PDB file of all heavy atoms in Angstrom:
ATOM      1  N   ASN A   1     -68.679  63.036 -67.093  1.00  0.00           N
ATOM      2  CA  ASN A   1     -69.127  64.311 -67.660  1.00  0.00           C
ATOM      3  C   ASN A   1     -68.814  65.427 -66.665  1.00  0.00           C
ATOM      4  O   ASN A   1     -69.422  65.506 -65.597  1.00  0.00           O
ATOM      5  CB  ASN A   1     -70.634  64.263 -67.936  1.00  0.00           C
ATOM      6  CG  ASN A   1     -71.000  63.153 -68.899  1.00  0.00           C
ATOM      7  OD1 ASN A   1     -70.531  63.126 -70.031  1.00  0.00           O
ATOM      8  ND2 ASN A   1     -71.830  62.217 -68.445  1.00  0.00           N
ATOM      9  N   MET A   2     -67.848  66.268 -67.033  1.00  0.00           N
ATOM     10  CA  MET A   2     -67.419  67.350 -66.154  1.00  0.00           C
ATOM     11  C   MET A   2     -68.181  68.611 -66.538  1.00  0.00           C
ATOM     12  O   MET A   2     -67.756  69.402 -67.374  1.00  0.00           O
ATOM     13  CB  MET A   2     -65.907  67.516 -66.256  1.00  0.00           C
ATOM     14  CG  MET A   2     -65.171  66.199 -66.003  1.00  0.00           C
ATOM     15  SD  MET A   2     -63.389  66.345 -65.930  1.00  0.00           S
ATOM     16  CE  MET A   2     -63.196  67.220 -64.371  1.00  0.00           C
ATOM     17  N   ASN A   3     -69.333  68.766 -65.900  1.00  0.00           N
ATOM     18  CA  ASN A   3     -70.262  69.827 -66.291  1.00  0.00           C
ATOM     19  C   ASN A   3     -70.034  71.142 -65.561  1.00  0.00           C
ATOM     20  O   ASN A   3     -70.388  72.208 -66.076  1.00  0.00           O
ATOM     21  CB  ASN A   3     -71.701  69.347 -66.051  1.00  0.00           C
ATOM     22  CG  ASN A   3     -72.014  68.077 -66.820  1.00  0.00           C
ATOM     23  OD1 ASN A   3     -71.636  67.932 -67.980  1.00  0.00           O
ATOM     24  ND2 ASN A   3     -72.701  67.140 -66.168  1.00  0.00           N
ATOM     25  N   GLY A   4     -69.461  71.087 -64.362  1.00  0.00           N
ATOM     26  CA  GLY A   4     -69.321  72.287 -63.553  1.00  0.00           C
ATOM     27  C   GLY A   4     -67.928  72.881 -63.594  1.00  0.00           C
ATOM     28  O   GLY A   4     -66.925  72.165 -63.718  1.00  0.00           O
ATOM     29  N   GLU A   5     -67.857  74.196 -63.484  1.00  0.00           N
ATOM     30  CA  GLU A   5     -66.556  74.867 -63.453  1.00  0.00           C
ATOM     31  C   GLU A   5     -65.724  74.389 -62.263  1.00  0.00           C
ATOM     32  O   GLU A   5     -66.239  74.113 -61.184  1.00  0.00           O
ATOM     33  CB  GLU A   5     -66.751  76.383 -63.356  1.00  0.00           C
ATOM     34  CG  GLU A   5     -67.323  77.011 -64.616  1.00  0.00           C
ATOM     35  CD  GLU A   5     -67.392  78.526 -64.497  1.00  0.00           C
ATOM     36  OE1 GLU A   5     -67.000  79.047 -63.430  1.00  0.00           O
ATOM     37  OE2 GLU A   5     -67.821  79.166 -65.468  1.00  0.00           O
ATOM     38  N   ASN A   6     -64.406  74.287 -62.518  1.00  0.00           N
ATOM     39  CA  ASN A   6     -63.426  73.895 -61.495  1.00  0.00           C
ATOM     40  C   ASN A   6     -63.639  72.476 -60.968  1.00  0.00           C
ATOM     41  O   ASN A   6     -63.156  72.129 -59.878  1.00  0.00           O
ATOM     42  CB  ASN A   6     -63.439  74.892 -60.326  1.00  0.00           C
ATOM     43  CG  ASN A   6     -63.077  76.293 -60.772  1.00  0.00           C
ATOM     44  OD1 ASN A   6     -62.149  76.491 -61.554  1.00  0.00           O
ATOM     45  ND2 ASN A   6     -63.826  77.282 -60.294  1.00  0.00           N
ATOM     46  N   SER A   7     -64.356  71.658 -61.711  1.00  0.00           N
ATOM     47  CA  SER A   7     -64.451  70.246 -61.337  1.00  0.00           C
ATOM     48  C   SER A   7     -63.141  69.549 -61.674  1.00  0.00           C
ATOM     49  O   SER A   7     -62.400  69.962 -62.568  1.00  0.00           O
ATOM     50  CB  SER A   7     -65.629  69.578 -62.038  1.00  0.00           C
ATOM     51  OG  SER A   7     -65.545  69.743 -63.448  1.00  0.00           O
ATOM     52  N   VAL A   8     -62.861  68.465 -60.932  1.00  0.00           N
ATOM     53  CA  VAL A   8     -61.591  67.758 -61.059  1.00  0.00           C
ATOM     54  C   VAL A   8     -61.862  66.256 -61.112  1.00  0.00           C
ATOM     55  O   VAL A   8     -62.695  65.735 -60.360  1.00  0.00           O
ATOM     56  CB  VAL A   8     -60.649  68.061 -59.873  1.00  0.00           C
ATOM     57  CG1 VAL A   8     -59.359  67.243 -59.971  1.00  0.00           C
ATOM     58  CG2 VAL A   8     -60.340  69.548 -59.799  1.00  0.00           C
ATOM     59  N   CYS A   9     -61.126  65.565 -61.993  1.00  0.00           N
ATOM     60  CA  CYS A   9     -61.285  64.118 -62.102  1.00  0.00           C
ATOM     61  C   CYS A   9     -59.927  63.454 -62.280  1.00  0.00           C
ATOM     62  O   CYS A   9     -59.085  63.940 -63.049  1.00  0.00           O
ATOM     63  CB  CYS A   9     -62.197  63.763 -63.281  1.00  0.00           C
ATOM     64  SG  CYS A   9     -62.325  61.993 -63.609  1.00  0.00           S
ATOM     65  N   GLN A  10     -59.729  62.354 -61.583  1.00  0.00           N
ATOM     66  CA  GLN A  10     -58.528  61.542 -61.768  1.00  0.00           C
ATOM     67  C   GLN A  10     -58.941  60.078 -61.858  1.00  0.00           C
ATOM     68  O   GLN A  10     -59.637  59.559 -60.988  1.00  0.00           O
ATOM     69  CB  GLN A  10     -57.549  61.725 -60.610  1.00  0.00           C
ATOM     70  CG  GLN A  10     -56.318  60.829 -60.707  1.00  0.00           C
ATOM     71  CD  GLN A  10     -55.357  61.049 -59.554  1.00  0.00           C
ATOM     72  OE1 GLN A  10     -54.795  62.115 -59.402  1.00  0.00           O
ATOM     73  NE2 GLN A  10     -55.184  60.026 -58.718  1.00  0.00           N
ATOM     74  N   ILE A  11     -58.523  59.417 -62.931  1.00  0.00           N
ATOM     75  CA  ILE A  11     -58.806  57.997 -63.123  1.00  0.00           C
ATOM     76  C   ILE A  11     -57.477  57.263 -63.266  1.00  0.00           C
ATOM     77  O   ILE A  11     -56.671  57.594 -64.127  1.00  0.00           O
ATOM     78  CB  ILE A  11     -59.664  57.752 -64.378  1.00  0.00           C
ATOM     79  CG1 ILE A  11     -60.998  58.508 -64.284  1.00  0.00           C
ATOM     80  CG2 ILE A  11     -59.913  56.257 -64.576  1.00  0.00           C
ATOM     81  CD1 ILE A  11     -61.818  58.464 -65.561  1.00  0.00           C
ATOM     82  N   VAL A  12     -57.262  56.267 -62.403  1.00  0.00           N
ATOM     83  CA  VAL A  12     -56.043  55.472 -62.460  1.00  0.00           C
ATOM     84  C   VAL A  12     -56.429  54.001 -62.545  1.00  0.00           C
ATOM     85  O   VAL A  12     -57.150  53.492 -61.680  1.00  0.00           O
ATOM     86  CB  VAL A  12     -55.148  55.704 -61.228  1.00  0.00           C
ATOM     87  CG1 VAL A  12     -53.919  54.798 -61.288  1.00  0.00           C
ATOM     88  CG2 VAL A  12     -54.723  57.165 -61.137  1.00  0.00           C
ATOM     89  N   SER A  13     -55.971  53.335 -63.595  1.00  0.00           N
ATOM     90  CA  SER A  13     -56.218  51.907 -63.755  1.00  0.00           C
ATOM     91  C   SER A  13     -54.893  51.165 -63.746  1.00  0.00           C
ATOM     92  O   SER A  13     -53.971  51.499 -64.493  1.00  0.00           O
ATOM     93  CB  SER A  13     -56.950  51.635 -65.075  1.00  0.00           C
ATOM     94  OG  SER A  13     -57.011  50.242 -65.323  1.00  0.00           O
ATOM     95  N   ARG A  14     -54.806  50.137 -62.896  1.00  0.00           N
ATOM     96  CA  ARG A  14     -53.635  49.267 -62.868  1.00  0.00           C
ATOM     97  C   ARG A  14     -54.123  47.833 -63.006  1.00  0.00           C
ATOM     98  O   ARG A  14     -54.959  47.376 -62.215  1.00  0.00           O
ATOM     99  CB  ARG A  14     -52.843  49.434 -61.578  1.00  0.00           C
ATOM    100  CG  ARG A  14     -52.109  50.764 -61.507  1.00  0.00           C
ATOM    101  CD  ARG A  14     -50.953  50.696 -60.529  1.00  0.00           C
ATOM    102  NE  ARG A  14     -49.997  51.771 -60.783  1.00  0.00           N
ATOM    103  CZ  ARG A  14     -48.760  51.782 -60.316  1.00  0.00           C
ATOM    104  NH1 ARG A  14     -48.319  50.766 -59.602  1.00  0.00           N
ATOM    105  NH2 ARG A  14     -47.950  52.782 -60.582  1.00  0.00           N
ATOM    106  N   SER A  15     -53.599  47.128 -64.003  1.00  0.00           N
ATOM    107  CA  SER A  15     -54.082  45.777 -64.237  1.00  0.00           C
ATOM    108  C   SER A  15     -52.937  44.846 -64.611  1.00  0.00           C
ATOM    109  O   SER A  15     -51.901  45.277 -65.122  1.00  0.00           O
ATOM    110  CB  SER A  15     -55.138  45.764 -65.344  1.00  0.00           C
ATOM    111  OG  SER A  15     -54.552  46.008 -66.616  1.00  0.00           O
ATOM    112  N   VAL A  16     -53.181  43.565 -64.355  1.00  0.00           N
ATOM    113  CA  VAL A  16     -52.248  42.510 -64.752  1.00  0.00           C
ATOM    114  C   VAL A  16     -53.054  41.441 -65.487  1.00  0.00           C
ATOM    115  O   VAL A  16     -54.048  40.929 -64.959  1.00  0.00           O
ATOM    116  CB  VAL A  16     -51.538  41.887 -63.533  1.00  0.00           C
ATOM    117  CG1 VAL A  16     -50.653  40.721 -63.966  1.00  0.00           C
ATOM    118  CG2 VAL A  16     -50.713  42.943 -62.801  1.00  0.00           C
ATOM    119  N   GLY A  17     -52.630  41.123 -66.710  1.00  0.00           N
ATOM    120  CA  GLY A  17     -53.280  40.071 -67.488  1.00  0.00           C
ATOM    121  C   GLY A  17     -52.344  38.884 -67.638  1.00  0.00           C
ATOM    122  O   GLY A  17     -51.220  39.034 -68.126  1.00  0.00           O
ATOM    123  N   LYS A  18     -52.807  37.695 -67.213  1.00  0.00           N
ATOM    124  CA  LYS A  18     -51.990  36.489 -67.280  1.00  0.00           C
ATOM    125  C   LYS A  18     -52.628  35.458 -68.208  1.00  0.00           C
ATOM    126  O   LYS A  18     -53.824  35.543 -68.538  1.00  0.00           O
ATOM    127  CB  LYS A  18     -51.833  35.868 -65.889  1.00  0.00           C
ATOM    128  CG  LYS A  18     -51.114  36.733 -64.866  1.00  0.00           C
ATOM    129  CD  LYS A  18     -50.984  35.976 -63.541  1.00  0.00           C
ATOM    130  CE  LYS A  18     -50.200  36.758 -62.513  1.00  0.00           C
ATOM    131  NZ  LYS A  18     -50.047  35.997 -61.240  1.00  0.00           N
ATOM    132  N   ASP A  19     -51.849  34.456 -68.597  1.00  0.00           N
ATOM    133  CA  ASP A  19     -52.309  33.286 -69.342  1.00  0.00           C
ATOM    134  C   ASP A  19     -53.003  33.694 -70.638  1.00  0.00           C
ATOM    135  O   ASP A  19     -52.442  34.440 -71.432  1.00  0.00           O
ATOM    136  CB  ASP A  19     -53.223  32.434 -68.449  1.00  0.00           C
ATOM    137  CG  ASP A  19     -52.556  32.044 -67.132  1.00  0.00           C
ATOM    138  OD1 ASP A  19     -51.351  31.757 -67.158  1.00  0.00           O
ATOM    139  OD2 ASP A  19     -53.238  32.047 -66.094  1.00  0.00           O
ATOM    140  N   ASP A  20     -54.259  33.267 -70.832  1.00  0.00           N
ATOM    141  CA  ASP A  20     -55.016  33.579 -72.055  1.00  0.00           C
ATOM    142  C   ASP A  20     -56.151  34.561 -71.779  1.00  0.00           C
ATOM    143  O   ASP A  20     -57.128  34.615 -72.532  1.00  0.00           O
ATOM    144  CB  ASP A  20     -55.596  32.293 -72.662  1.00  0.00           C
ATOM    145  CG  ASP A  20     -54.516  31.335 -73.117  1.00  0.00           C
ATOM    146  OD1 ASP A  20     -53.686  31.732 -73.958  1.00  0.00           O
ATOM    147  OD2 ASP A  20     -54.489  30.184 -72.625  1.00  0.00           O
ATOM    148  N   SER A  21     -56.055  35.306 -70.697  1.00  0.00           N
ATOM    149  CA  SER A  21     -57.134  36.221 -70.332  1.00  0.00           C
ATOM    150  C   SER A  21     -57.164  37.444 -71.246  1.00  0.00           C
ATOM    151  O   SER A  21     -56.186  37.762 -71.928  1.00  0.00           O
ATOM    152  CB  SER A  21     -57.001  36.655 -68.874  1.00  0.00           C
ATOM    153  OG  SER A  21     -55.794  37.369 -68.666  1.00  0.00           O
ATOM    154  N   ILE A  22     -58.314  38.119 -71.238  1.00  0.00           N
ATOM    155  CA  ILE A  22     -58.536  39.291 -72.087  1.00  0.00           C
ATOM    156  C   ILE A  22     -59.050  40.442 -71.231  1.00  0.00           C
ATOM    157  O   ILE A  22     -59.958  40.256 -70.408  1.00  0.00           O
ATOM    158  CB  ILE A  22     -59.550  38.985 -73.213  1.00  0.00           C
ATOM    159  CG1 ILE A  22     -59.011  37.869 -74.127  1.00  0.00           C
ATOM    160  CG2 ILE A  22     -59.853  40.242 -74.031  1.00  0.00           C
ATOM    161  CD1 ILE A  22     -60.028  37.405 -75.157  1.00  0.00           C
ATOM    162  N   GLN A  23     -58.479  41.629 -71.438  1.00  0.00           N
ATOM    163  CA  GLN A  23     -58.930  42.829 -70.740  1.00  0.00           C
ATOM    164  C   GLN A  23     -59.203  43.951 -71.734  1.00  0.00           C
ATOM    165  O   GLN A  23     -58.473  44.117 -72.713  1.00  0.00           O
ATOM    166  CB  GLN A  23     -57.873  43.308 -69.743  1.00  0.00           C
ATOM    167  CG  GLN A  23     -57.548  42.345 -68.630  1.00  0.00           C
ATOM    168  CD  GLN A  23     -56.496  42.906 -67.686  1.00  0.00           C
ATOM    169  OE1 GLN A  23     -56.173  44.095 -67.734  1.00  0.00           O
ATOM    170  NE2 GLN A  23     -55.956  42.060 -66.820  1.00  0.00           N
ATOM    171  N   LEU A  24     -60.233  44.723 -71.444  1.00  0.00           N
ATOM    172  CA  LEU A  24     -60.561  45.910 -72.239  1.00  0.00           C
ATOM    173  C   LEU A  24     -60.909  47.041 -71.280  1.00  0.00           C
ATOM    174  O   LEU A  24     -61.795  46.899 -70.438  1.00  0.00           O
ATOM    175  CB  LEU A  24     -61.745  45.635 -73.170  1.00  0.00           C
ATOM    176  CG  LEU A  24     -62.331  46.833 -73.916  1.00  0.00           C
ATOM    177  CD1 LEU A  24     -61.300  47.446 -74.856  1.00  0.00           C
ATOM    178  CD2 LEU A  24     -63.571  46.433 -74.696  1.00  0.00           C
ATOM    179  N   PHE A  25     -60.197  48.172 -71.406  1.00  0.00           N
ATOM    180  CA  PHE A  25     -60.445  49.329 -70.540  1.00  0.00           C
ATOM    181  C   PHE A  25     -60.679  50.546 -71.415  1.00  0.00           C
ATOM    182  O   PHE A  25     -59.843  50.903 -72.240  1.00  0.00           O
ATOM    183  CB  PHE A  25     -59.253  49.560 -69.603  1.00  0.00           C
ATOM    184  CG  PHE A  25     -59.475  50.669 -68.608  1.00  0.00           C
ATOM    185  CD1 PHE A  25     -60.603  50.688 -67.816  1.00  0.00           C
ATOM    186  CD2 PHE A  25     -58.548  51.682 -68.451  1.00  0.00           C
ATOM    187  CE1 PHE A  25     -60.813  51.700 -66.886  1.00  0.00           C
ATOM    188  CE2 PHE A  25     -58.748  52.703 -67.535  1.00  0.00           C
ATOM    189  CZ  PHE A  25     -59.881  52.714 -66.748  1.00  0.00           C
ATOM    190  N   HIS A  26     -61.838  51.194 -71.251  1.00  0.00           N
ATOM    191  CA  HIS A  26     -62.190  52.358 -72.072  1.00  0.00           C
ATOM    192  C   HIS A  26     -62.693  53.493 -71.174  1.00  0.00           C
ATOM    193  O   HIS A  26     -63.897  53.613 -70.902  1.00  0.00           O
ATOM    194  CB  HIS A  26     -63.268  51.986 -73.091  1.00  0.00           C
ATOM    195  CG  HIS A  26     -63.631  53.116 -74.012  1.00  0.00           C
ATOM    196  ND1 HIS A  26     -64.754  53.108 -74.812  1.00  0.00           N
ATOM    197  CD2 HIS A  26     -63.016  54.305 -74.261  1.00  0.00           C
ATOM    198  CE1 HIS A  26     -64.818  54.231 -75.504  1.00  0.00           C
ATOM    199  NE2 HIS A  26     -63.769  54.967 -75.175  1.00  0.00           N
ATOM    200  N   PRO A  27     -61.788  54.330 -70.665  1.00  0.00           N
ATOM    201  CA  PRO A  27     -62.208  55.503 -69.902  1.00  0.00           C
ATOM    202  C   PRO A  27     -62.435  56.699 -70.832  1.00  0.00           C
ATOM    203  O   PRO A  27     -61.631  56.965 -71.730  1.00  0.00           O
ATOM    204  CB  PRO A  27     -61.022  55.754 -68.966  1.00  0.00           C
ATOM    205  CG  PRO A  27     -59.840  55.257 -69.751  1.00  0.00           C
ATOM    206  CD  PRO A  27     -60.329  54.147 -70.654  1.00  0.00           C
ATOM    207  N   LYS A  28     -63.502  57.408 -70.597  1.00  0.00           N
ATOM    208  CA  LYS A  28     -63.841  58.578 -71.421  1.00  0.00           C
ATOM    209  C   LYS A  28     -64.179  59.745 -70.504  1.00  0.00           C
ATOM    210  O   LYS A  28     -65.037  59.630 -69.627  1.00  0.00           O
ATOM    211  CB  LYS A  28     -65.025  58.266 -72.335  1.00  0.00           C
ATOM    212  CG  LYS A  28     -65.488  59.444 -73.186  1.00  0.00           C
ATOM    213  CD  LYS A  28     -66.715  59.055 -74.010  1.00  0.00           C
ATOM    214  CE  LYS A  28     -67.257  60.225 -74.810  1.00  0.00           C
ATOM    215  NZ  LYS A  28     -68.483  59.861 -75.568  1.00  0.00           N
ATOM    216  N   VAL A  29     -63.496  60.871 -70.710  1.00  0.00           N
ATOM    217  CA  VAL A  29     -63.761  62.081 -69.933  1.00  0.00           C
ATOM    218  C   VAL A  29     -64.179  63.189 -70.877  1.00  0.00           C
ATOM    219  O   VAL A  29     -63.496  63.456 -71.872  1.00  0.00           O
ATOM    220  CB  VAL A  29     -62.525  62.517 -69.128  1.00  0.00           C
ATOM    221  CG1 VAL A  29     -62.775  63.843 -68.423  1.00  0.00           C
ATOM    222  CG2 VAL A  29     -62.136  61.437 -68.118  1.00  0.00           C
TER     223      VAL A  29
END
């Protein structure tokens, strides 16, 4: 939640899924 003026946010996700694995990524700004 970017409530203040001139606030800054950076989100970086790097993932590797192998075999039968499951991943779920839900970023919300």
